């Protein structure tokens, strides 16, 4: 399995992100994963929210109105950086890179990526 990132937020935020994902490149729905192709980058996307079952009780702060999630499998750091810059601006939620704690806000991630210290860099990693 390739590296993954989980996008977490309210249903409203995740609907905006889902719309952006579907309009960014060529999006094809599949049986288990959907596929997003952008230039040389291929992503597998799971919008079912099933990834929330992988978190321990109390690991996530659940906002009023509940929490939604989108799992994105990616092939390279440069690909996921470009994708996140296209879909995250202006949204409020969190990212889980599976490398650290679920504390990186979407706004911080966008700023970090723009300054080239984010995803894949030291500013993004921690311990879970």
N, C-alpha and C. Protein backbone atom coordinates (compact mmCIF):
# COMPACT_ATOMS: atom_id res chain seq x y z
N UNK A 1 0.84 -1.19 0.00
CA UNK A 1 0.00 0.00 0.00
C UNK A 1 0.88 1.24 0.00
N UNK A 2 0.49 2.21 -0.77
CA UNK A 2 1.21 3.48 -0.82
C UNK A 2 0.87 4.32 0.41
N UNK A 3 1.60 5.42 0.62
CA UNK A 3 1.29 6.29 1.76
C UNK A 3 -0.12 6.87 1.65
N UNK A 4 -0.68 7.17 2.80
CA UNK A 4 -2.03 7.74 2.83
C UNK A 4 -2.07 8.99 3.70
N UNK A 5 -3.10 9.76 3.48
CA UNK A 5 -3.40 10.90 4.32
C UNK A 5 -4.91 10.89 4.52
N UNK A 6 -5.34 11.24 5.73
CA UNK A 6 -6.77 11.29 6.03
C UNK A 6 -7.13 12.75 6.26
N UNK A 7 -8.14 13.20 5.57
CA UNK A 7 -8.68 14.55 5.72
C UNK A 7 -9.90 14.44 6.62
N UNK A 8 -9.93 15.22 7.68
CA UNK A 8 -10.98 15.14 8.69
C UNK A 8 -11.64 16.49 8.88
N UNK A 9 -12.96 16.51 8.93
CA UNK A 9 -13.66 17.77 9.16
C UNK A 9 -15.16 17.53 9.28
N UNK A 10 -15.89 18.59 9.42
CA UNK A 10 -17.35 18.49 9.46
C UNK A 10 -17.86 18.05 8.09
N UNK A 11 -19.10 17.60 8.04
CA UNK A 11 -19.68 17.18 6.77
C UNK A 11 -19.67 18.31 5.75
N UNK A 12 -19.93 19.52 6.20
CA UNK A 12 -19.93 20.68 5.29
C UNK A 12 -18.56 20.89 4.66
N UNK A 13 -17.52 20.87 5.48
CA UNK A 13 -16.15 21.04 4.99
C UNK A 13 -15.78 19.91 4.04
N UNK A 14 -16.10 18.69 4.43
CA UNK A 14 -15.71 17.54 3.61
C UNK A 14 -16.48 17.50 2.29
N UNK A 15 -17.70 18.03 2.26
CA UNK A 15 -18.43 18.13 1.00
C UNK A 15 -17.73 19.08 0.04
N UNK A 16 -17.22 20.20 0.56
CA UNK A 16 -16.47 21.15 -0.27
C UNK A 16 -15.21 20.47 -0.80
N UNK A 17 -14.49 19.78 0.07
CA UNK A 17 -13.26 19.10 -0.34
C UNK A 17 -13.56 18.00 -1.35
N UNK A 18 -14.63 17.25 -1.14
CA UNK A 18 -15.01 16.19 -2.09
C UNK A 18 -15.31 16.78 -3.47
N UNK A 19 -16.00 17.89 -3.50
CA UNK A 19 -16.30 18.56 -4.78
C UNK A 19 -15.01 19.01 -5.46
N UNK A 20 -14.08 19.56 -4.69
CA UNK A 20 -12.80 19.99 -5.24
C UNK A 20 -12.00 18.80 -5.77
N UNK A 21 -11.99 17.70 -5.02
CA UNK A 21 -11.28 16.50 -5.47
C UNK A 21 -11.82 16.01 -6.80
N UNK A 22 -13.14 15.94 -6.90
CA UNK A 22 -13.78 15.42 -8.11
C UNK A 22 -13.57 16.31 -9.33
N UNK A 23 -13.28 17.58 -9.11
CA UNK A 23 -13.09 18.48 -10.24
C UNK A 23 -11.62 18.76 -10.53
N UNK A 24 -10.71 18.16 -9.76
CA UNK A 24 -9.28 18.38 -9.92
C UNK A 24 -8.69 17.20 -10.68
N UNK A 25 -8.56 17.31 -11.98
CA UNK A 25 -8.05 16.22 -12.79
C UNK A 25 -9.18 15.33 -13.28
N UNK A 26 -8.85 14.07 -13.57
CA UNK A 26 -9.83 13.10 -14.06
C UNK A 26 -10.22 12.20 -12.89
N UNK A 27 -11.50 12.20 -12.57
CA UNK A 27 -12.00 11.46 -11.41
C UNK A 27 -12.90 10.33 -11.91
N UNK A 28 -12.58 9.10 -11.49
CA UNK A 28 -13.39 7.94 -11.87
C UNK A 28 -13.78 7.17 -10.62
N UNK A 29 -15.08 6.86 -10.51
CA UNK A 29 -15.55 6.11 -9.35
C UNK A 29 -15.25 4.63 -9.55
N UNK A 30 -14.87 3.98 -8.44
CA UNK A 30 -14.59 2.55 -8.47
C UNK A 30 -15.38 1.83 -7.40
N UNK A 31 -15.22 0.50 -7.34
CA UNK A 31 -15.96 -0.30 -6.37
C UNK A 31 -15.48 -0.08 -4.94
N UNK A 32 -14.17 -0.06 -4.74
CA UNK A 32 -13.62 0.13 -3.40
C UNK A 32 -13.03 1.52 -3.27
N UNK A 33 -12.16 1.87 -4.19
CA UNK A 33 -11.55 3.21 -4.23
C UNK A 33 -12.02 3.92 -5.48
N UNK A 34 -12.08 5.24 -5.40
CA UNK A 34 -12.22 6.06 -6.59
C UNK A 34 -10.80 6.41 -7.03
N UNK A 35 -10.64 6.81 -8.27
CA UNK A 35 -9.31 7.12 -8.80
C UNK A 35 -9.28 8.54 -9.32
N UNK A 36 -8.27 9.28 -8.91
CA UNK A 36 -8.05 10.64 -9.36
C UNK A 36 -6.71 10.68 -10.06
N UNK A 37 -6.71 11.14 -11.29
CA UNK A 37 -5.48 11.24 -12.07
C UNK A 37 -5.25 12.71 -12.44
N UNK A 38 -4.07 13.21 -12.07
CA UNK A 38 -3.70 14.59 -12.36
C UNK A 38 -2.28 14.56 -12.91
N UNK A 39 -2.15 14.84 -14.20
CA UNK A 39 -0.86 14.77 -14.87
C UNK A 39 -0.21 13.42 -14.57
N UNK A 40 1.00 13.38 -13.98
CA UNK A 40 1.68 12.12 -13.71
C UNK A 40 1.27 11.50 -12.37
N UNK A 41 0.36 12.12 -11.65
CA UNK A 41 -0.01 11.67 -10.30
C UNK A 41 -1.32 10.88 -10.33
N UNK A 42 -1.30 9.75 -9.62
CA UNK A 42 -2.50 8.94 -9.47
C UNK A 42 -2.81 8.78 -7.99
N UNK A 43 -4.04 9.04 -7.64
CA UNK A 43 -4.49 8.94 -6.26
C UNK A 43 -5.64 7.93 -6.18
N UNK A 44 -5.69 7.20 -5.08
CA UNK A 44 -6.86 6.40 -4.75
C UNK A 44 -7.58 7.16 -3.65
N UNK A 45 -8.90 7.27 -3.76
CA UNK A 45 -9.69 8.07 -2.84
C UNK A 45 -10.83 7.23 -2.28
N UNK A 46 -11.01 7.28 -0.96
CA UNK A 46 -12.12 6.60 -0.30
C UNK A 46 -12.92 7.65 0.47
N UNK A 47 -14.12 7.94 -0.03
CA UNK A 47 -14.97 8.94 0.61
C UNK A 47 -16.03 8.32 1.50
N UNK A 48 -15.93 7.01 1.75
CA UNK A 48 -16.95 6.31 2.54
C UNK A 48 -16.96 6.72 4.01
N UNK A 49 -15.83 7.22 4.51
CA UNK A 49 -15.72 7.55 5.93
C UNK A 49 -15.38 6.35 6.79
N UNK A 50 -15.23 5.17 6.18
CA UNK A 50 -14.92 3.95 6.94
C UNK A 50 -13.61 4.06 7.71
N UNK A 51 -12.71 4.92 7.25
CA UNK A 51 -11.42 5.08 7.93
C UNK A 51 -11.59 5.56 9.37
N UNK A 52 -12.71 6.18 9.69
CA UNK A 52 -12.96 6.64 11.06
C UNK A 52 -12.98 5.46 12.04
N UNK A 53 -13.33 4.27 11.56
CA UNK A 53 -13.35 3.09 12.42
C UNK A 53 -11.96 2.69 12.88
N UNK A 54 -10.91 3.16 12.19
CA UNK A 54 -9.53 2.83 12.54
C UNK A 54 -9.00 3.63 13.73
N UNK A 55 -9.72 4.65 14.14
CA UNK A 55 -9.27 5.50 15.26
C UNK A 55 -9.79 4.94 16.57
N UNK A 56 -8.97 5.04 17.61
CA UNK A 56 -9.36 4.61 18.94
C UNK A 56 -10.37 5.60 19.53
N UNK A 57 -11.18 5.11 20.46
CA UNK A 57 -12.12 5.99 21.17
C UNK A 57 -11.33 7.09 21.85
N UNK A 58 -11.77 8.31 21.71
CA UNK A 58 -11.13 9.45 22.35
C UNK A 58 -9.93 10.00 21.59
N UNK A 59 -9.53 9.34 20.50
CA UNK A 59 -8.37 9.82 19.73
C UNK A 59 -8.70 11.09 18.94
N UNK A 60 -9.95 11.23 18.55
CA UNK A 60 -10.38 12.39 17.77
C UNK A 60 -11.35 13.23 18.58
N UNK A 61 -11.21 14.54 18.49
CA UNK A 61 -12.19 15.44 19.06
C UNK A 61 -13.32 15.58 18.05
N UNK A 62 -14.48 15.12 18.41
CA UNK A 62 -15.61 15.14 17.49
C UNK A 62 -16.35 16.47 17.64
N UNK A 63 -16.41 17.27 16.56
CA UNK A 63 -17.11 18.55 16.66
C UNK A 63 -18.63 18.35 16.68
N UNK A 64 -19.35 19.38 17.12
CA UNK A 64 -20.81 19.34 17.05
C UNK A 64 -21.20 19.07 15.60
N UNK A 65 -22.12 18.17 15.40
CA UNK A 65 -22.53 17.84 14.05
C UNK A 65 -21.77 16.65 13.47
N UNK A 66 -20.80 16.13 14.20
CA UNK A 66 -20.10 14.93 13.75
C UNK A 66 -18.86 15.21 12.93
N UNK A 67 -18.21 14.13 12.55
CA UNK A 67 -16.94 14.19 11.84
C UNK A 67 -17.04 13.33 10.59
N UNK A 68 -16.51 13.83 9.50
CA UNK A 68 -16.44 13.09 8.24
C UNK A 68 -14.97 12.96 7.85
N UNK A 69 -14.68 11.97 7.02
CA UNK A 69 -13.28 11.74 6.63
C UNK A 69 -13.18 11.28 5.18
N UNK A 70 -12.07 11.65 4.56
CA UNK A 70 -11.72 11.18 3.23
C UNK A 70 -10.30 10.65 3.32
N UNK A 71 -10.11 9.42 2.86
CA UNK A 71 -8.79 8.80 2.82
C UNK A 71 -8.23 8.96 1.41
N UNK A 72 -6.99 9.44 1.31
CA UNK A 72 -6.33 9.60 0.01
C UNK A 72 -5.01 8.83 0.04
N UNK A 73 -4.86 7.90 -0.88
CA UNK A 73 -3.60 7.18 -1.06
C UNK A 73 -2.86 7.86 -2.19
N UNK A 74 -1.57 8.14 -1.99
CA UNK A 74 -0.81 8.89 -2.99
C UNK A 74 0.51 8.22 -3.30
N UNK A 75 1.11 8.61 -4.43
CA UNK A 75 2.34 7.95 -4.87
C UNK A 75 3.60 8.70 -4.50
N UNK A 76 3.52 10.01 -4.30
CA UNK A 76 4.72 10.77 -3.96
C UNK A 76 4.35 12.02 -3.18
N UNK A 77 5.32 12.52 -2.43
CA UNK A 77 5.12 13.73 -1.64
C UNK A 77 4.80 14.91 -2.55
N UNK A 78 5.49 15.03 -3.67
CA UNK A 78 5.23 16.16 -4.56
C UNK A 78 3.80 16.13 -5.09
N UNK A 79 3.29 14.93 -5.36
CA UNK A 79 1.90 14.82 -5.84
C UNK A 79 0.90 15.24 -4.77
N UNK A 80 1.08 14.75 -3.52
CA UNK A 80 0.12 15.09 -2.48
C UNK A 80 0.21 16.56 -2.11
N UNK A 81 1.39 17.14 -2.17
CA UNK A 81 1.51 18.59 -1.90
C UNK A 81 0.67 19.39 -2.88
N UNK A 82 0.79 19.08 -4.16
CA UNK A 82 0.02 19.81 -5.18
C UNK A 82 -1.48 19.61 -4.98
N UNK A 83 -1.86 18.38 -4.66
CA UNK A 83 -3.27 18.10 -4.44
C UNK A 83 -3.81 18.89 -3.26
N UNK A 84 -3.11 18.87 -2.14
CA UNK A 84 -3.58 19.58 -0.95
C UNK A 84 -3.66 21.08 -1.17
N UNK A 85 -2.70 21.63 -1.91
CA UNK A 85 -2.77 23.07 -2.22
C UNK A 85 -3.99 23.41 -3.06
N UNK A 86 -4.45 22.47 -3.84
CA UNK A 86 -5.62 22.71 -4.70
C UNK A 86 -6.94 22.55 -3.95
N UNK A 87 -6.98 21.66 -2.95
CA UNK A 87 -8.28 21.35 -2.33
C UNK A 87 -8.49 21.90 -0.93
N UNK A 88 -7.42 22.29 -0.22
CA UNK A 88 -7.58 22.71 1.17
C UNK A 88 -7.80 24.20 1.44
N UNK A 89 -7.29 25.10 0.61
CA UNK A 89 -7.38 26.52 0.99
C UNK A 89 -8.78 26.95 1.44
N UNK A 90 -8.80 27.65 2.58
CA UNK A 90 -10.04 28.19 3.11
C UNK A 90 -10.86 27.22 3.93
N UNK A 91 -10.42 25.97 4.06
CA UNK A 91 -11.20 24.97 4.79
C UNK A 91 -10.64 24.78 6.20
N UNK A 92 -11.51 24.40 7.11
CA UNK A 92 -11.13 24.18 8.50
C UNK A 92 -11.35 22.71 8.82
N UNK A 93 -10.26 22.05 9.22
CA UNK A 93 -10.32 20.64 9.56
C UNK A 93 -8.92 20.19 9.92
N UNK A 94 -8.69 18.89 9.86
CA UNK A 94 -7.40 18.35 10.26
C UNK A 94 -6.92 17.29 9.28
N UNK A 95 -5.61 17.05 9.31
CA UNK A 95 -4.98 16.03 8.48
C UNK A 95 -4.32 15.01 9.37
N UNK A 96 -4.36 13.76 8.94
CA UNK A 96 -3.62 12.70 9.61
C UNK A 96 -2.76 12.03 8.55
N UNK A 97 -1.45 12.17 8.69
CA UNK A 97 -0.52 11.62 7.71
C UNK A 97 -0.11 10.19 8.03
N UNK A 98 -0.63 9.65 9.12
CA UNK A 98 -0.22 8.33 9.61
C UNK A 98 1.23 8.32 10.06
N UNK A 99 1.83 9.49 10.21
CA UNK A 99 3.21 9.62 10.71
C UNK A 99 3.24 10.33 12.05
N UNK A 100 2.12 10.87 12.48
CA UNK A 100 2.13 11.66 13.70
C UNK A 100 0.74 11.77 14.28
N UNK A 101 0.59 12.70 15.17
CA UNK A 101 -0.71 12.89 15.80
C UNK A 101 -1.63 13.68 14.87
N UNK A 102 -2.90 13.59 15.15
CA UNK A 102 -3.90 14.27 14.33
C UNK A 102 -4.05 15.69 14.85
N UNK A 103 -3.05 16.52 14.62
CA UNK A 103 -3.11 17.87 15.14
C UNK A 103 -2.81 18.92 14.08
N UNK A 104 -2.49 18.51 12.89
CA UNK A 104 -2.13 19.48 11.87
C UNK A 104 -3.40 20.03 11.22
N UNK A 105 -3.64 21.32 11.41
CA UNK A 105 -4.84 21.91 10.83
C UNK A 105 -4.66 22.09 9.33
N UNK A 106 -5.78 22.09 8.60
CA UNK A 106 -5.72 22.29 7.15
C UNK A 106 -5.10 23.63 6.81
N UNK A 107 -5.41 24.66 7.60
CA UNK A 107 -4.83 25.98 7.32
C UNK A 107 -3.33 25.97 7.53
N UNK A 108 -2.86 25.32 8.60
CA UNK A 108 -1.42 25.22 8.85
C UNK A 108 -0.75 24.39 7.76
N UNK A 109 -1.40 23.31 7.35
CA UNK A 109 -0.83 22.46 6.30
C UNK A 109 -0.66 23.24 5.01
N UNK A 110 -1.66 24.01 4.65
CA UNK A 110 -1.58 24.80 3.42
C UNK A 110 -0.42 25.79 3.50
N UNK A 111 -0.30 26.48 4.63
CA UNK A 111 0.80 27.44 4.79
C UNK A 111 2.14 26.73 4.78
N UNK A 112 2.23 25.56 5.41
CA UNK A 112 3.48 24.81 5.47
C UNK A 112 3.89 24.32 4.08
N UNK A 113 2.92 23.83 3.33
CA UNK A 113 3.23 23.34 1.98
C UNK A 113 3.71 24.49 1.12
N UNK A 114 3.03 25.62 1.23
CA UNK A 114 3.43 26.78 0.44
C UNK A 114 4.84 27.22 0.78
N UNK A 115 5.26 27.02 2.04
CA UNK A 115 6.62 27.41 2.43
C UNK A 115 7.59 26.23 2.32
N UNK A 116 7.11 25.11 1.79
CA UNK A 116 7.91 23.91 1.53
C UNK A 116 8.43 23.22 2.79
N UNK A 117 7.75 23.40 3.92
CA UNK A 117 8.17 22.69 5.14
C UNK A 117 7.12 21.68 5.57
N UNK A 118 6.05 21.55 4.81
CA UNK A 118 4.94 20.71 5.23
C UNK A 118 5.08 19.25 4.87
N UNK A 119 4.04 18.68 4.34
CA UNK A 119 3.93 17.25 4.10
C UNK A 119 5.26 16.65 3.67
N UNK A 120 5.72 15.69 4.42
CA UNK A 120 7.00 15.05 4.14
C UNK A 120 8.18 15.75 4.79
N UNK A 121 7.95 16.91 5.39
CA UNK A 121 9.03 17.64 6.03
C UNK A 121 8.96 17.52 7.54
N UNK A 122 9.97 17.99 8.19
CA UNK A 122 10.06 17.86 9.65
C UNK A 122 8.91 18.52 10.38
N UNK A 123 8.38 19.60 9.83
CA UNK A 123 7.30 20.32 10.50
C UNK A 123 6.03 19.49 10.56
N UNK A 124 5.94 18.42 9.78
CA UNK A 124 4.72 17.64 9.70
C UNK A 124 4.78 16.38 10.52
N UNK A 125 5.94 15.89 10.84
CA UNK A 125 6.07 14.59 11.50
C UNK A 125 6.04 14.72 13.01
N UNK A 126 5.53 13.70 13.64
CA UNK A 126 5.50 13.64 15.10
C UNK A 126 5.38 12.19 15.49
N UNK A 127 4.91 11.92 16.68
CA UNK A 127 4.70 10.54 17.09
C UNK A 127 3.26 10.36 17.48
N UNK A 128 2.77 9.19 17.22
CA UNK A 128 1.39 8.86 17.58
C UNK A 128 1.40 8.03 18.81
